[in-house]
Amino acid sequence: MLARVEERARPAEEQDTPPQEDEPQPAPSAAPAEPSTPEERAAKHDLVFQAERVDHAWAREASHKLRDGIESILPTGALRSVECRNTLCKAELVCADRDEVATFFEQGFRRQDRFWQGAATVLKTGETPDGKWTMAAFFARDGSMIPSD
């Protein structure tokens, strides 16, 4: 019995006899590859964000809250844009370096008096010609989730 199980477990090209038609064959993997880089994850989150309808009342309030919170932490000019939809907001940022990103993350999301209570993620999307980091930050409405990676 064990020999037979091993025989069936071997790939068809390695077997001595062709597979029988009534034997189930493994389906080829059709699942898309999961995003692996921060840039790919940001692009995936952005697709979900762009597909959302806009809850104008919430989006207006959330945009103001995010703008005020981000500008209280990062230097002037670091915030490029903030846009909110129905359950997600996206902020585009420029940070001088990893230390500035760490400060933003610590003060914005880990402290008791953080400015945003919902889920959030910050992803590096590239660099400016002068070496600053371009970032995409996604913020979920309280009770909602950031799209999974």
N, C-alpha and C. Protein backbone atom coordinates (compact mmCIF):
# COMPACT_ATOMS: atom_id res chain seq x y z
N MET A 1 0.82 -1.18 0.00
CA MET A 1 0.00 0.00 0.00
C MET A 1 0.87 1.25 0.00
N LEU A 2 1.92 1.30 0.81
CA LEU A 2 2.79 2.46 0.87
C LEU A 2 3.43 2.72 -0.48
N ALA A 3 3.88 1.71 -1.18
CA ALA A 3 4.51 1.87 -2.49
C ALA A 3 3.53 2.51 -3.47
N ARG A 4 2.28 2.13 -3.39
CA ARG A 4 1.28 2.67 -4.30
C ARG A 4 1.05 4.16 -4.02
N VAL A 5 1.00 4.56 -2.76
CA VAL A 5 0.83 5.96 -2.39
C VAL A 5 2.01 6.77 -2.92
N GLU A 6 3.21 6.25 -2.73
CA GLU A 6 4.38 6.95 -3.23
C GLU A 6 4.34 7.08 -4.73
N GLU A 7 3.89 6.05 -5.41
CA GLU A 7 3.80 6.10 -6.87
C GLU A 7 2.86 7.20 -7.32
N ARG A 8 1.72 7.33 -6.67
CA ARG A 8 0.76 8.36 -7.04
C ARG A 8 1.25 9.76 -6.68
N ALA A 9 2.09 9.87 -5.68
CA ALA A 9 2.57 11.17 -5.25
C ALA A 9 3.64 11.73 -6.17
N ARG A 10 4.27 10.85 -6.98
CA ARG A 10 5.31 11.32 -7.89
C ARG A 10 4.69 12.08 -9.05
N PRO A 11 5.36 13.11 -9.58
CA PRO A 11 4.84 13.83 -10.75
C PRO A 11 4.66 12.89 -11.93
N ALA A 12 3.71 13.16 -12.79
CA ALA A 12 3.37 12.29 -13.91
C ALA A 12 4.56 12.00 -14.81
N GLU A 13 5.44 12.98 -15.06
CA GLU A 13 6.57 12.76 -15.94
C GLU A 13 7.60 11.80 -15.35
N GLU A 14 7.57 11.58 -14.03
CA GLU A 14 8.49 10.66 -13.38
C GLU A 14 7.90 9.25 -13.23
N GLN A 15 6.62 9.08 -13.48
CA GLN A 15 5.97 7.80 -13.29
C GLN A 15 6.25 6.88 -14.47
N ASP A 16 6.23 5.57 -14.20
CA ASP A 16 6.46 4.57 -15.24
C ASP A 16 5.24 4.42 -16.14
N THR A 17 4.05 4.66 -15.60
CA THR A 17 2.83 4.52 -16.38
C THR A 17 2.13 5.86 -16.42
N PRO A 18 1.42 6.14 -17.51
CA PRO A 18 0.70 7.42 -17.58
C PRO A 18 -0.43 7.44 -16.57
N PRO A 19 -0.83 8.62 -16.10
CA PRO A 19 -1.91 8.70 -15.12
C PRO A 19 -3.22 8.24 -15.74
N GLN A 20 -4.04 7.61 -14.94
CA GLN A 20 -5.34 7.16 -15.39
C GLN A 20 -6.28 8.35 -15.49
N GLU A 21 -7.22 8.28 -16.44
CA GLU A 21 -8.12 9.40 -16.65
C GLU A 21 -9.01 9.68 -15.45
N ASP A 22 -9.33 8.63 -14.68
CA ASP A 22 -10.23 8.84 -13.55
C ASP A 22 -9.50 9.32 -12.29
N GLU A 23 -8.16 9.39 -12.34
CA GLU A 23 -7.41 9.89 -11.20
C GLU A 23 -7.42 11.42 -11.22
N PRO A 24 -7.71 12.05 -10.09
CA PRO A 24 -7.69 13.52 -10.06
C PRO A 24 -6.28 14.04 -10.29
N GLN A 25 -6.18 15.07 -11.08
CA GLN A 25 -4.90 15.70 -11.38
C GLN A 25 -4.83 17.04 -10.67
N PRO A 26 -3.65 17.41 -10.16
CA PRO A 26 -3.56 18.71 -9.50
C PRO A 26 -3.82 19.84 -10.49
N ALA A 27 -4.57 20.81 -10.04
CA ALA A 27 -4.87 21.97 -10.88
C ALA A 27 -3.66 22.90 -10.90
N PRO A 28 -3.39 23.50 -12.05
CA PRO A 28 -2.28 24.46 -12.07
C PRO A 28 -2.61 25.64 -11.18
N SER A 29 -1.60 26.19 -10.57
CA SER A 29 -1.80 27.32 -9.67
C SER A 29 -2.15 28.57 -10.48
N ALA A 30 -3.33 29.10 -10.25
CA ALA A 30 -3.76 30.30 -10.96
C ALA A 30 -3.78 31.51 -10.05
N ALA A 31 -3.43 31.32 -8.80
CA ALA A 31 -3.47 32.43 -7.85
C ALA A 31 -2.38 33.44 -8.19
N PRO A 32 -2.73 34.73 -8.24
CA PRO A 32 -1.71 35.73 -8.53
C PRO A 32 -0.71 35.83 -7.39
N ALA A 33 0.49 36.19 -7.74
CA ALA A 33 1.52 36.36 -6.72
C ALA A 33 1.15 37.52 -5.80
N GLU A 34 1.39 37.33 -4.52
CA GLU A 34 1.13 38.38 -3.55
C GLU A 34 2.17 39.49 -3.70
N PRO A 35 1.75 40.75 -3.53
CA PRO A 35 2.73 41.83 -3.61
C PRO A 35 3.83 41.64 -2.57
N SER A 36 5.07 41.86 -2.97
CA SER A 36 6.15 41.59 -2.04
C SER A 36 6.94 42.84 -1.65
N THR A 37 6.92 43.86 -2.46
CA THR A 37 7.66 45.07 -2.13
C THR A 37 6.71 46.13 -1.58
N PRO A 38 7.23 47.09 -0.83
CA PRO A 38 6.35 48.17 -0.35
C PRO A 38 5.64 48.89 -1.50
N GLU A 39 6.34 49.07 -2.61
CA GLU A 39 5.75 49.74 -3.77
C GLU A 39 4.57 48.94 -4.32
N GLU A 40 4.73 47.61 -4.39
CA GLU A 40 3.64 46.76 -4.89
C GLU A 40 2.45 46.76 -3.93
N ARG A 41 2.74 46.72 -2.62
CA ARG A 41 1.65 46.76 -1.63
C ARG A 41 0.92 48.09 -1.68
N ALA A 42 1.66 49.19 -1.84
CA ALA A 42 1.03 50.51 -1.95
C ALA A 42 0.14 50.57 -3.18
N ALA A 43 0.61 50.01 -4.29
CA ALA A 43 -0.20 50.00 -5.52
C ALA A 43 -1.48 49.18 -5.32
N LYS A 44 -1.37 48.07 -4.61
CA LYS A 44 -2.56 47.24 -4.34
C LYS A 44 -3.55 48.00 -3.45
N HIS A 45 -3.04 48.62 -2.40
CA HIS A 45 -3.92 49.41 -1.52
C HIS A 45 -4.57 50.55 -2.31
N ASP A 46 -3.80 51.17 -3.20
CA ASP A 46 -4.33 52.29 -3.97
C ASP A 46 -5.46 51.85 -4.90
N LEU A 47 -5.38 50.67 -5.46
CA LEU A 47 -6.47 50.15 -6.30
C LEU A 47 -7.76 50.02 -5.50
N VAL A 48 -7.64 49.48 -4.28
CA VAL A 48 -8.82 49.35 -3.42
C VAL A 48 -9.35 50.74 -3.06
N PHE A 49 -8.45 51.64 -2.72
CA PHE A 49 -8.82 53.01 -2.36
C PHE A 49 -9.55 53.70 -3.53
N GLN A 50 -8.99 53.63 -4.72
CA GLN A 50 -9.58 54.29 -5.89
C GLN A 50 -10.96 53.75 -6.24
N ALA A 51 -11.21 52.47 -5.92
CA ALA A 51 -12.49 51.85 -6.24
C ALA A 51 -13.61 52.24 -5.27
N GLU A 52 -13.26 52.82 -4.14
CA GLU A 52 -14.29 53.18 -3.15
C GLU A 52 -15.12 54.38 -3.61
N ARG A 53 -16.36 54.35 -3.24
CA ARG A 53 -17.20 55.54 -3.42
C ARG A 53 -16.82 56.54 -2.32
N VAL A 54 -17.30 57.75 -2.41
CA VAL A 54 -16.94 58.79 -1.44
C VAL A 54 -18.11 59.05 -0.50
N ASP A 55 -17.85 58.97 0.78
CA ASP A 55 -18.79 59.42 1.81
C ASP A 55 -18.33 60.85 2.14
N HIS A 56 -18.96 61.83 1.51
CA HIS A 56 -18.48 63.21 1.57
C HIS A 56 -18.36 63.77 2.98
N ALA A 57 -19.32 63.50 3.83
CA ALA A 57 -19.28 64.05 5.19
C ALA A 57 -18.09 63.45 5.96
N TRP A 58 -17.96 62.13 5.95
CA TRP A 58 -16.85 61.50 6.65
C TRP A 58 -15.51 61.88 6.03
N ALA A 59 -15.44 61.87 4.70
CA ALA A 59 -14.19 62.17 4.00
C ALA A 59 -13.69 63.57 4.35
N ARG A 60 -14.58 64.54 4.41
CA ARG A 60 -14.19 65.92 4.74
C ARG A 60 -13.63 66.00 6.16
N GLU A 61 -14.34 65.39 7.10
CA GLU A 61 -13.90 65.41 8.51
C GLU A 61 -12.58 64.65 8.68
N ALA A 62 -12.49 63.47 8.08
CA ALA A 62 -11.28 62.65 8.22
C ALA A 62 -10.07 63.34 7.57
N SER A 63 -10.28 63.98 6.43
CA SER A 63 -9.18 64.69 5.75
C SER A 63 -8.61 65.79 6.63
N HIS A 64 -9.48 66.56 7.26
CA HIS A 64 -9.03 67.63 8.15
C HIS A 64 -8.26 67.06 9.35
N LYS A 65 -8.80 65.99 9.93
CA LYS A 65 -8.15 65.36 11.08
C LYS A 65 -6.76 64.84 10.71
N LEU A 66 -6.66 64.18 9.56
CA LEU A 66 -5.37 63.65 9.13
C LEU A 66 -4.38 64.77 8.81
N ARG A 67 -4.85 65.77 8.10
CA ARG A 67 -3.97 66.90 7.75
C ARG A 67 -3.41 67.55 9.02
N ASP A 68 -4.28 67.82 9.97
CA ASP A 68 -3.83 68.43 11.23
C ASP A 68 -2.86 67.53 11.98
N GLY A 69 -3.17 66.24 12.06
CA GLY A 69 -2.31 65.30 12.78
C GLY A 69 -0.95 65.14 12.13
N ILE A 70 -0.93 64.95 10.82
CA ILE A 70 0.34 64.77 10.10
C ILE A 70 1.19 66.04 10.18
N GLU A 71 0.57 67.18 9.97
CA GLU A 71 1.33 68.43 10.00
C GLU A 71 1.83 68.77 11.39
N SER A 72 1.24 68.21 12.44
CA SER A 72 1.74 68.44 13.80
C SER A 72 3.00 67.63 14.08
N ILE A 73 3.29 66.64 13.26
CA ILE A 73 4.44 65.77 13.48
C ILE A 73 5.57 66.04 12.48
N LEU A 74 5.21 66.08 11.21
CA LEU A 74 6.22 66.20 10.16
C LEU A 74 6.52 67.66 9.83
N PRO A 75 7.70 67.93 9.28
CA PRO A 75 8.05 69.31 8.91
C PRO A 75 7.12 69.86 7.82
N THR A 76 7.06 71.16 7.74
CA THR A 76 6.26 71.82 6.72
C THR A 76 6.68 71.33 5.34
N GLY A 77 5.70 71.03 4.51
CA GLY A 77 5.97 70.58 3.16
C GLY A 77 6.06 69.08 3.01
N ALA A 78 6.11 68.35 4.12
CA ALA A 78 6.22 66.89 4.04
C ALA A 78 4.93 66.25 3.55
N LEU A 79 3.80 66.85 3.87
CA LEU A 79 2.51 66.32 3.44
C LEU A 79 2.21 66.86 2.04
N ARG A 80 2.12 65.96 1.09
CA ARG A 80 1.83 66.36 -0.29
C ARG A 80 0.33 66.39 -0.58
N SER A 81 -0.40 65.39 -0.05
CA SER A 81 -1.84 65.34 -0.29
C SER A 81 -2.52 64.43 0.71
N VAL A 82 -3.81 64.67 0.91
CA VAL A 82 -4.66 63.80 1.71
C VAL A 82 -5.98 63.68 0.97
N GLU A 83 -6.44 62.46 0.82
CA GLU A 83 -7.74 62.23 0.18
C GLU A 83 -8.43 61.09 0.91
N CYS A 84 -9.71 61.25 1.19
CA CYS A 84 -10.49 60.21 1.86
C CYS A 84 -11.67 59.82 1.00
N ARG A 85 -12.10 58.57 1.15
CA ARG A 85 -13.23 58.04 0.38
C ARG A 85 -14.32 57.60 1.36
N ASN A 86 -14.63 56.30 1.37
CA ASN A 86 -15.69 55.78 2.23
C ASN A 86 -15.14 55.13 3.50
N THR A 87 -14.15 54.27 3.36
CA THR A 87 -13.56 53.62 4.53
C THR A 87 -12.06 53.82 4.60
N LEU A 88 -11.47 54.42 3.58
CA LEU A 88 -10.01 54.60 3.53
C LEU A 88 -9.64 56.04 3.21
N CYS A 89 -8.50 56.43 3.74
CA CYS A 89 -7.86 57.69 3.38
C CYS A 89 -6.46 57.37 2.90
N LYS A 90 -5.96 58.22 2.03
CA LYS A 90 -4.59 58.07 1.54
C LYS A 90 -3.89 59.42 1.70
N ALA A 91 -2.70 59.39 2.28
CA ALA A 91 -1.86 60.58 2.39
C ALA A 91 -0.56 60.30 1.66
N GLU A 92 -0.11 61.26 0.88
CA GLU A 92 1.19 61.16 0.23
C GLU A 92 2.14 62.07 0.97
N LEU A 93 3.28 61.51 1.35
CA LEU A 93 4.24 62.20 2.20
C LEU A 93 5.64 62.16 1.58
N VAL A 94 6.46 63.10 1.99
CA VAL A 94 7.89 63.06 1.66
C VAL A 94 8.63 63.20 2.98
N CYS A 95 9.44 62.21 3.29
CA CYS A 95 10.20 62.20 4.55
C CYS A 95 11.69 62.23 4.23
N ALA A 96 12.43 62.92 5.08
CA ALA A 96 13.87 63.09 4.84
C ALA A 96 14.60 61.75 4.84
N ASP A 97 14.22 60.85 5.74
CA ASP A 97 14.95 59.59 5.86
C ASP A 97 14.17 58.64 6.76
N ARG A 98 14.77 57.49 7.03
CA ARG A 98 14.14 56.46 7.87
C ARG A 98 13.82 56.99 9.27
N ASP A 99 14.69 57.82 9.83
CA ASP A 99 14.46 58.36 11.18
C ASP A 99 13.19 59.22 11.22
N GLU A 100 12.99 60.02 10.19
CA GLU A 100 11.79 60.86 10.15
C GLU A 100 10.53 60.00 10.03
N VAL A 101 10.61 58.92 9.26
CA VAL A 101 9.49 57.99 9.14
C VAL A 101 9.21 57.33 10.49
N ALA A 102 10.27 56.92 11.19
CA ALA A 102 10.11 56.29 12.50
C ALA A 102 9.46 57.25 13.50
N THR A 103 9.88 58.50 13.47
CA THR A 103 9.29 59.52 14.36
C THR A 103 7.81 59.70 14.05
N PHE A 104 7.49 59.79 12.76
CA PHE A 104 6.10 59.94 12.34
C PHE A 104 5.27 58.75 12.82
N PHE A 105 5.79 57.55 12.62
CA PHE A 105 5.06 56.36 13.01
C PHE A 105 4.87 56.29 14.53
N GLU A 106 5.92 56.56 15.26
CA GLU A 106 5.86 56.52 16.73
C GLU A 106 4.85 57.54 17.27
N GLN A 107 4.96 58.78 16.84
CA GLN A 107 4.09 59.83 17.37
C GLN A 107 2.67 59.74 16.82
N GLY A 108 2.53 59.25 15.61
CA GLY A 108 1.21 59.20 14.99
C GLY A 108 0.39 57.98 15.33
N PHE A 109 1.04 56.87 15.66
CA PHE A 109 0.29 55.62 15.79
C PHE A 109 0.53 54.82 17.07
N ARG A 110 1.58 55.09 17.78
CA ARG A 110 1.88 54.25 18.95
C ARG A 110 1.58 54.92 20.28
N ARG A 111 1.53 56.20 20.31
CA ARG A 111 1.28 56.91 21.57
C ARG A 111 -0.20 56.87 21.94
N GLN A 112 -0.47 57.05 23.20
CA GLN A 112 -1.85 57.07 23.68
C GLN A 112 -2.64 58.22 23.05
N ASP A 113 -1.98 59.35 22.82
CA ASP A 113 -2.66 60.51 22.27
C ASP A 113 -2.49 60.61 20.74
N ARG A 114 -2.36 59.46 20.08
CA ARG A 114 -2.18 59.46 18.62
C ARG A 114 -3.35 60.16 17.92
N PHE A 115 -3.08 60.71 16.76
CA PHE A 115 -4.10 61.49 16.06
C PHE A 115 -5.10 60.64 15.28
N TRP A 116 -4.79 59.37 15.02
CA TRP A 116 -5.70 58.50 14.27
C TRP A 116 -5.95 57.24 15.06
N GLN A 117 -7.22 56.92 15.29
CA GLN A 117 -7.56 55.76 16.12
C GLN A 117 -7.74 54.48 15.32
N GLY A 118 -7.99 54.57 14.03
CA GLY A 118 -8.19 53.38 13.20
C GLY A 118 -6.88 52.75 12.76
N ALA A 119 -7.00 51.70 11.97
CA ALA A 119 -5.82 51.02 11.42
C ALA A 119 -5.12 51.93 10.42
N ALA A 120 -3.81 51.73 10.29
CA ALA A 120 -3.03 52.52 9.35
C ALA A 120 -1.80 51.75 8.91
N THR A 121 -1.30 52.09 7.74
CA THR A 121 -0.04 51.55 7.26
C THR A 121 0.68 52.63 6.46
N VAL A 122 2.00 52.63 6.56
CA VAL A 122 2.83 53.60 5.85
C VAL A 122 3.83 52.82 5.02
N LEU A 123 3.87 53.09 3.71
CA LEU A 123 4.73 52.33 2.80
C LEU A 123 5.60 53.27 1.97
N LYS A 124 6.85 52.91 1.82
CA LYS A 124 7.76 53.67 0.97
C LYS A 124 7.40 53.38 -0.49
N THR A 125 7.24 54.44 -1.29
CA THR A 125 6.88 54.25 -2.70
C THR A 125 8.00 54.65 -3.65
N GLY A 126 9.05 55.27 -3.12
CA GLY A 126 10.17 55.65 -3.97
C GLY A 126 11.04 56.68 -3.28
N GLU A 127 11.85 57.36 -4.08
CA GLU A 127 12.72 58.41 -3.57
C GLU A 127 12.71 59.59 -4.53
N THR A 128 12.88 60.77 -3.98
CA THR A 128 13.00 61.97 -4.79
C THR A 128 14.43 62.04 -5.33
N PRO A 129 14.69 62.89 -6.32
CA PRO A 129 16.05 63.02 -6.84
C PRO A 129 17.09 63.39 -5.77
N ASP A 130 16.64 64.09 -4.72
CA ASP A 130 17.59 64.46 -3.66
C ASP A 130 17.64 63.44 -2.51
N GLY A 131 17.07 62.25 -2.71
CA GLY A 131 17.21 61.17 -1.75
C GLY A 131 16.17 61.09 -0.66
N LYS A 132 15.15 61.95 -0.68
CA LYS A 132 14.08 61.86 0.32
C LYS A 132 13.15 60.71 -0.04
N TRP A 133 12.50 60.16 0.98
CA TRP A 133 11.60 59.04 0.78
C TRP A 133 10.20 59.53 0.44
N THR A 134 9.60 59.00 -0.62
CA THR A 134 8.19 59.27 -0.89
C THR A 134 7.41 58.12 -0.25
N MET A 135 6.34 58.48 0.41
CA MET A 135 5.57 57.52 1.20
C MET A 135 4.08 57.62 0.85
N ALA A 136 3.41 56.49 0.94
CA ALA A 136 1.95 56.45 0.87
C ALA A 136 1.48 55.92 2.21
N ALA A 137 0.62 56.67 2.86
CA ALA A 137 0.05 56.24 4.15
C ALA A 137 -1.45 56.01 3.92
N PHE A 138 -1.93 54.86 4.33
CA PHE A 138 -3.34 54.52 4.21
C PHE A 138 -3.93 54.42 5.61
N PHE A 139 -5.08 55.03 5.79
CA PHE A 139 -5.75 55.09 7.08
C PHE A 139 -7.16 54.53 6.91
N ALA A 140 -7.55 53.61 7.80
CA ALA A 140 -8.88 53.01 7.74
C ALA A 140 -9.82 53.71 8.71
N ARG A 141 -11.03 53.87 8.27
CA ARG A 141 -12.10 54.41 9.12
C ARG A 141 -12.21 53.50 10.33
N ASP A 142 -12.50 54.07 11.48
CA ASP A 142 -12.65 53.29 12.70
C ASP A 142 -13.66 52.17 12.45
N GLY A 143 -13.27 50.95 12.77
CA GLY A 143 -14.12 49.78 12.53
C GLY A 143 -13.88 49.11 11.18
N SER A 144 -13.05 49.71 10.33
CA SER A 144 -12.69 49.14 9.04
C SER A 144 -11.24 48.67 9.07
N MET A 145 -10.85 47.95 8.04
CA MET A 145 -9.50 47.40 7.97
C MET A 145 -8.76 47.94 6.75
N ILE A 146 -7.44 47.95 6.84
CA ILE A 146 -6.59 48.21 5.69
C ILE A 146 -6.63 46.96 4.82
N PRO A 147 -6.66 47.09 3.49
CA PRO A 147 -6.64 45.87 2.66
C PRO A 147 -5.45 44.99 3.02
N SER A 148 -5.66 43.68 3.06
CA SER A 148 -4.57 42.79 3.46
C SER A 148 -3.52 42.72 2.37
N ASP A 149 -2.28 42.50 2.81
CA ASP A 149 -1.18 42.34 1.87
C ASP A 149 -1.27 40.95 1.34
